N, C-alpha and C. Protein backbone atom coordinates (compact mmCIF):
# COMPACT_ATOMS: atom_id res chain seq x y z
N MET A 1 18.01 21.83 22.04
CA MET A 1 16.24 20.50 21.61
C MET A 1 17.23 19.43 21.40
N LYS A 2 16.57 18.07 22.04
CA LYS A 2 17.15 16.61 21.92
C LYS A 2 16.36 16.39 20.26
N GLU A 3 17.07 15.60 19.53
CA GLU A 3 16.34 14.87 18.27
C GLU A 3 16.09 14.01 18.34
N THR A 4 14.90 14.03 18.03
CA THR A 4 14.07 12.79 17.91
C THR A 4 14.55 11.38 16.78
N ALA A 5 14.44 10.11 17.25
CA ALA A 5 14.54 9.21 16.24
C ALA A 5 14.32 9.66 15.45
N LEU A 6 13.04 9.98 14.94
CA LEU A 6 12.69 10.40 13.40
C LEU A 6 12.91 11.12 12.74
N GLN A 7 13.80 12.27 13.84
CA GLN A 7 15.08 13.16 12.97
C GLN A 7 16.07 12.07 12.54
N ILE A 8 16.46 11.99 13.08
CA ILE A 8 18.12 11.41 13.05
C ILE A 8 17.53 9.90 11.67
N LYS A 9 16.65 9.07 12.51
CA LYS A 9 16.77 7.70 11.01
C LYS A 9 16.34 8.44 9.67
N SER A 10 15.31 9.71 9.65
CA SER A 10 15.49 10.55 8.55
C SER A 10 16.72 11.05 7.82
N TYR A 11 17.79 11.56 8.98
CA TYR A 11 18.41 11.80 7.66
C TYR A 11 19.56 11.07 7.51
N LYS A 12 19.77 10.06 8.38
CA LYS A 12 20.65 9.17 8.07
C LYS A 12 20.28 7.89 6.76
N PHE A 13 19.01 8.11 6.69
CA PHE A 13 18.34 7.68 5.48
C PHE A 13 18.51 8.64 4.57
N ALA A 14 18.78 9.78 4.27
CA ALA A 14 18.58 10.82 2.98
C ALA A 14 20.50 10.71 2.81
N VAL A 15 21.82 11.25 3.71
CA VAL A 15 22.70 10.87 3.89
C VAL A 15 22.99 9.83 3.09
N ARG A 16 22.46 8.38 2.87
CA ARG A 16 22.27 7.06 2.18
C ARG A 16 22.05 7.27 1.16
N CYS A 17 20.46 8.46 0.80
CA CYS A 17 20.24 8.47 -0.92
C CYS A 17 20.63 9.43 -1.08
N VAL A 18 21.82 10.36 -1.06
CA VAL A 18 22.59 10.87 -1.63
C VAL A 18 23.89 9.97 -2.08
N LYS A 19 24.10 8.94 -1.16
CA LYS A 19 25.77 8.31 -1.42
C LYS A 19 24.87 7.85 -2.77
N LEU A 20 23.51 6.94 -2.64
CA LEU A 20 23.18 5.30 -4.16
C LEU A 20 23.27 6.61 -4.59
N CYS A 21 22.85 8.32 -5.38
CA CYS A 21 22.68 8.86 -5.89
C CYS A 21 24.17 8.91 -6.66
N GLN A 22 24.95 8.64 -6.34
CA GLN A 22 26.48 9.26 -6.21
C GLN A 22 27.16 7.66 -7.21
N TYR A 23 26.39 6.55 -6.76
CA TYR A 23 27.02 5.42 -7.10
C TYR A 23 26.18 5.30 -8.32
N LEU A 24 24.67 5.10 -7.92
CA LEU A 24 24.08 5.40 -9.31
C LEU A 24 24.44 5.99 -10.75
N GLN A 25 25.46 7.36 -10.58
CA GLN A 25 25.71 8.06 -11.04
C GLN A 25 27.62 7.82 -11.99
N GLN A 26 28.05 7.63 -10.95
CA GLN A 26 29.69 7.26 -10.60
C GLN A 26 29.23 5.81 -12.31
N GLU A 27 28.68 4.78 -11.45
CA GLU A 27 28.57 3.52 -11.66
C GLU A 27 28.36 3.05 -12.55
N LYS A 28 26.99 3.54 -12.48
CA LYS A 28 25.70 2.90 -13.47
C LYS A 28 25.56 3.75 -14.78
N LYS A 29 25.50 5.27 -14.77
CA LYS A 29 25.80 6.01 -15.28
C LYS A 29 24.21 6.58 -15.38
N GLU A 30 23.48 6.35 -14.90
CA GLU A 30 22.03 6.26 -14.94
C GLU A 30 21.83 7.73 -14.20
N PHE A 31 21.32 8.67 -14.42
CA PHE A 31 21.15 10.18 -14.24
C PHE A 31 19.34 10.54 -13.98
N ILE A 32 18.86 9.61 -14.17
CA ILE A 32 17.22 9.88 -14.44
C ILE A 32 16.97 9.53 -12.74
N LEU A 33 16.56 8.36 -12.67
CA LEU A 33 16.43 7.58 -11.56
C LEU A 33 16.44 8.25 -10.16
N SER A 34 18.12 8.39 -10.33
CA SER A 34 18.73 8.87 -9.62
C SER A 34 18.18 10.15 -9.32
N LYS A 35 17.62 11.29 -10.02
CA LYS A 35 17.84 12.80 -9.17
C LYS A 35 16.68 12.59 -8.56
N GLN A 36 14.86 11.49 -9.43
CA GLN A 36 13.63 11.33 -8.30
C GLN A 36 14.01 10.54 -7.40
N ILE A 37 15.20 9.66 -7.08
CA ILE A 37 15.32 9.41 -5.02
C ILE A 37 16.00 10.12 -4.21
N ILE A 38 16.69 10.86 -4.78
CA ILE A 38 17.97 12.08 -4.25
C ILE A 38 16.75 12.74 -3.93
N ARG A 39 15.94 13.61 -4.80
CA ARG A 39 14.71 14.42 -4.26
C ARG A 39 13.56 13.62 -3.22
N SER A 40 13.34 12.98 -3.53
CA SER A 40 12.55 12.22 -2.33
C SER A 40 12.87 11.45 -1.43
N GLY A 41 13.59 11.00 -0.91
CA GLY A 41 14.44 10.03 0.05
C GLY A 41 15.11 11.77 0.55
N THR A 42 15.55 12.66 -0.17
CA THR A 42 16.19 13.60 1.05
C THR A 42 14.66 14.52 1.46
N SER A 43 13.79 14.42 0.99
CA SER A 43 12.44 15.99 1.14
C SER A 43 11.93 14.71 3.00
N ILE A 44 11.71 13.81 3.08
CA ILE A 44 11.64 12.98 3.80
C ILE A 44 11.89 13.40 5.56
N GLY A 45 13.03 13.73 5.64
CA GLY A 45 13.76 14.23 6.57
C GLY A 45 14.38 16.01 7.11
N ALA A 46 13.93 16.81 5.76
CA ALA A 46 13.19 17.84 5.41
C ALA A 46 12.44 18.13 5.89
N SER A 47 11.18 17.52 5.42
CA SER A 47 9.95 17.98 6.51
C SER A 47 9.71 17.47 7.92
N VAL A 48 10.59 16.63 7.61
CA VAL A 48 9.77 16.30 9.72
C VAL A 48 11.12 17.68 10.43
N ARG A 49 11.88 17.40 10.03
CA ARG A 49 12.57 19.29 10.12
C ARG A 49 11.66 20.48 10.42
N GLU A 50 11.65 20.77 9.17
CA GLU A 50 10.71 21.79 9.17
C GLU A 50 9.03 21.89 10.00
N ALA A 51 8.81 20.26 10.56
CA ALA A 51 8.10 19.98 11.15
C ALA A 51 8.29 20.84 12.99
N GLU A 52 9.69 20.80 13.30
CA GLU A 52 9.90 21.50 14.33
C GLU A 52 9.05 22.95 14.92
N TYR A 53 9.12 23.56 13.60
CA TYR A 53 8.57 25.23 13.84
C TYR A 53 6.81 25.32 13.66
N ALA A 54 6.46 24.01 13.17
CA ALA A 54 4.81 23.89 13.23
C ALA A 54 3.74 25.21 13.84
N GLN A 55 2.96 25.29 12.83
CA GLN A 55 2.45 26.73 14.43
C GLN A 55 1.24 25.56 14.29
N SER A 56 1.00 25.23 13.85
CA SER A 56 -0.24 24.35 15.23
C SER A 56 0.03 23.35 14.79
N ASN A 57 -1.17 22.07 16.17
CA ASN A 57 -1.15 20.80 15.29
C ASN A 57 -1.81 20.36 14.50
N ALA A 58 -2.86 21.44 13.25
CA ALA A 58 -2.39 20.71 12.12
C ALA A 58 -1.78 20.80 10.90
N ASP A 59 -1.24 21.85 11.19
CA ASP A 59 0.48 22.24 10.17
C ASP A 59 1.57 20.88 10.49
N PHE A 60 1.67 20.43 11.96
CA PHE A 60 2.18 19.90 12.12
C PHE A 60 2.44 18.18 11.88
N VAL A 61 0.79 17.65 11.18
CA VAL A 61 0.38 16.61 11.09
C VAL A 61 0.53 16.47 9.39
N HIS A 62 0.32 18.07 9.10
CA HIS A 62 0.59 17.69 8.10
C HIS A 62 1.84 18.23 7.29
N LYS A 63 3.40 18.95 7.76
CA LYS A 63 4.77 18.56 7.31
C LYS A 63 4.69 17.25 7.48
N PHE A 64 4.52 15.95 8.34
CA PHE A 64 4.05 14.60 8.60
C PHE A 64 4.07 14.13 7.55
N SER A 65 2.89 14.50 7.17
CA SER A 65 1.97 13.66 6.13
C SER A 65 2.66 14.43 4.48
N ILE A 66 3.50 14.65 4.57
CA ILE A 66 4.52 15.26 3.80
C ILE A 66 5.82 14.34 2.90
N SER A 67 6.38 14.02 4.35
CA SER A 67 7.73 13.03 4.85
C SER A 67 6.35 11.84 4.67
N LEU A 68 5.59 11.53 4.66
CA LEU A 68 4.16 10.22 4.65
C LEU A 68 5.10 10.18 2.74
N LYS A 69 4.43 10.78 2.30
CA LYS A 69 3.75 10.98 0.68
C LYS A 69 5.73 10.69 0.03
N GLU A 70 6.12 11.34 0.58
CA GLU A 70 7.67 11.41 0.07
C GLU A 70 8.32 9.92 0.31
N ALA A 71 7.81 9.42 1.67
CA ALA A 71 8.67 8.01 2.06
C ALA A 71 7.76 6.87 1.32
N ASN A 72 6.84 6.91 0.29
CA ASN A 72 5.97 6.03 -0.29
C ASN A 72 6.68 6.39 -1.40
N GLU A 73 7.12 7.18 -2.28
CA GLU A 73 6.94 7.77 -3.06
C GLU A 73 8.58 7.40 -3.57
N THR A 74 9.88 7.10 -2.24
CA THR A 74 10.90 6.77 -2.42
C THR A 74 11.53 5.36 -2.39
N SER A 75 9.45 4.50 -1.68
CA SER A 75 9.89 3.01 -1.90
C SER A 75 9.53 2.65 -3.12
N TYR A 76 9.26 3.76 -3.86
CA TYR A 76 7.99 2.90 -5.10
C TYR A 76 9.59 3.25 -6.24
N TRP A 77 10.95 4.22 -6.21
CA TRP A 77 11.49 4.13 -6.74
C TRP A 77 12.73 3.18 -6.89
N LEU A 78 12.74 3.30 -5.04
CA LEU A 78 14.05 1.90 -5.01
C LEU A 78 13.40 0.18 -5.56
N GLN A 79 11.79 0.40 -5.70
CA GLN A 79 11.17 -1.05 -6.26
C GLN A 79 11.51 -1.15 -7.87
N LEU A 80 11.58 0.56 -8.44
CA LEU A 80 11.88 0.02 -10.12
C LEU A 80 13.54 -0.31 -10.06
N LEU A 81 13.88 0.77 -9.32
CA LEU A 81 15.58 0.29 -9.43
C LEU A 81 16.52 -1.16 -9.15
N LYS A 82 15.18 -1.69 -8.25
CA LYS A 82 15.71 -2.68 -7.61
C LYS A 82 14.86 -3.80 -9.01
N ASP A 83 14.11 -3.64 -10.10
CA ASP A 83 13.66 -4.29 -10.97
C ASP A 83 14.40 -3.67 -12.39
N THR A 84 14.44 -2.90 -12.77
CA THR A 84 15.56 -2.38 -13.74
C THR A 84 16.59 -2.77 -13.46
N ASP A 85 17.75 -4.19 -12.48
CA ASP A 85 19.14 -3.90 -12.37
C ASP A 85 19.40 -3.01 -12.84
N TYR A 86 19.14 -2.22 -11.26
CA TYR A 86 20.12 -0.94 -10.97
C TYR A 86 20.96 -0.97 -9.69
N LEU A 87 19.90 -1.87 -8.78
CA LEU A 87 20.20 -2.52 -7.14
C LEU A 87 19.77 -3.71 -7.26
N ASP A 88 21.34 -4.45 -7.01
CA ASP A 88 21.49 -5.42 -6.64
C ASP A 88 20.64 -5.96 -5.39
N ILE A 89 19.57 -6.52 -4.85
CA ILE A 89 19.09 -7.47 -3.95
C ILE A 89 19.16 -6.58 -2.35
N ILE A 90 20.75 -7.03 -1.84
CA ILE A 90 21.37 -6.44 -0.87
C ILE A 90 21.00 -5.40 -0.81
N LEU A 91 21.83 -4.16 -1.59
CA LEU A 91 21.33 -3.05 -1.20
C LEU A 91 20.40 -2.71 -0.95
N TYR A 92 18.87 -3.62 -2.68
CA TYR A 92 17.56 -2.92 -1.95
C TYR A 92 17.11 -3.24 -1.15
N ASP A 93 17.45 -4.66 -0.28
CA ASP A 93 16.70 -4.86 0.24
C ASP A 93 17.10 -3.77 1.92
N SER A 94 18.14 -3.81 2.34
CA SER A 94 18.96 -2.70 3.08
C SER A 94 18.18 -1.19 3.53
N LEU A 95 17.85 -0.66 1.77
CA LEU A 95 17.44 0.84 1.99
C LEU A 95 15.98 0.25 2.28
N ASN A 96 15.13 -0.54 1.90
CA ASN A 96 14.24 -1.10 1.68
C ASN A 96 13.86 -0.75 3.07
N LYS A 97 14.30 -1.38 3.88
CA LYS A 97 14.37 -1.94 5.35
C LYS A 97 13.69 -0.33 6.05
N ASP A 98 15.04 0.33 5.56
CA ASP A 98 15.33 1.97 6.49
C ASP A 98 14.01 2.44 5.99
N CYS A 99 13.83 2.38 4.78
CA CYS A 99 12.43 3.15 4.19
C CYS A 99 11.26 3.39 4.54
N THR A 100 11.22 1.27 4.91
CA THR A 100 9.25 1.12 5.45
C THR A 100 9.70 1.72 7.00
N GLU A 101 10.80 0.73 8.01
CA GLU A 101 11.27 1.52 8.90
C GLU A 101 10.71 3.13 9.39
N LEU A 102 11.11 3.23 8.15
CA LEU A 102 10.50 5.31 8.64
C LEU A 102 9.13 5.61 8.06
N LEU A 103 8.56 5.33 6.85
CA LEU A 103 6.72 4.39 7.05
C LEU A 103 6.19 4.34 8.07
N LYS A 104 6.64 3.51 8.83
CA LYS A 104 5.86 2.80 9.69
C LYS A 104 6.32 3.92 11.26
N LEU A 105 7.32 4.48 11.39
CA LEU A 105 7.43 5.95 12.42
C LEU A 105 6.59 7.19 11.98
N LEU A 106 6.47 7.56 10.76
CA LEU A 106 5.33 8.10 10.52
C LEU A 106 4.14 7.85 10.54
N ILE A 107 3.75 7.25 10.25
CA ILE A 107 2.37 6.61 10.64
C ILE A 107 1.93 6.75 11.81
N SER A 108 2.85 5.93 12.28
CA SER A 108 2.01 6.45 13.96
C SER A 108 2.43 7.45 14.43
N THR A 109 3.40 8.34 14.30
CA THR A 109 3.75 9.38 14.56
C THR A 109 2.25 10.17 14.38
N ILE A 110 1.73 9.98 12.70
CA ILE A 110 0.84 10.88 12.74
C ILE A 110 -0.81 10.68 13.41
N ASN A 111 -1.09 9.14 13.34
CA ASN A 111 -1.42 8.96 14.02
C ASN A 111 -1.58 8.98 15.22
N THR A 112 -1.14 9.45 16.27
CA THR A 112 -0.55 9.47 17.52
C THR A 112 -0.80 10.91 17.63
N LEU A 113 -0.79 12.44 16.39
CA LEU A 113 -1.17 13.55 16.77
C LEU A 113 -2.36 13.87 16.49
N LYS A 114 -3.24 13.02 15.44
CA LYS A 114 -4.64 12.60 15.29
C LYS A 114 -5.21 12.86 16.49
N LYS A 115 -4.50 11.62 17.35
CA LYS A 115 -5.80 12.04 18.16
C LYS A 115 -6.19 13.41 19.40
N ARG A 116 -4.62 13.87 19.17
CA ARG A 116 -5.27 14.71 20.49
C ARG A 116 -6.05 16.27 20.37
């Protein structure tokens, strides 16, 4: 089965979140917020992947809705990390751009699925 753009982008974003967590813990000695962002940031792709074997259209929408919630939460943690000076603006902008793109893809996908 061919991977979708959403699967690829959510996986790459998860990798970035893992590396961000490593950076925050090693370089900034930050251990609380980094665990939050790794949990929510990697959960996006995990739920997208889980949707591959959804039992119904409603289940599929539900899995993608969970991904959407996790992406929104990740956006919150990114903003908090920026506003507390753990992330510089360049790193924040790059991560936030990817997160926003995932949010838009998820919203579009969910809206399309609900019309079926």
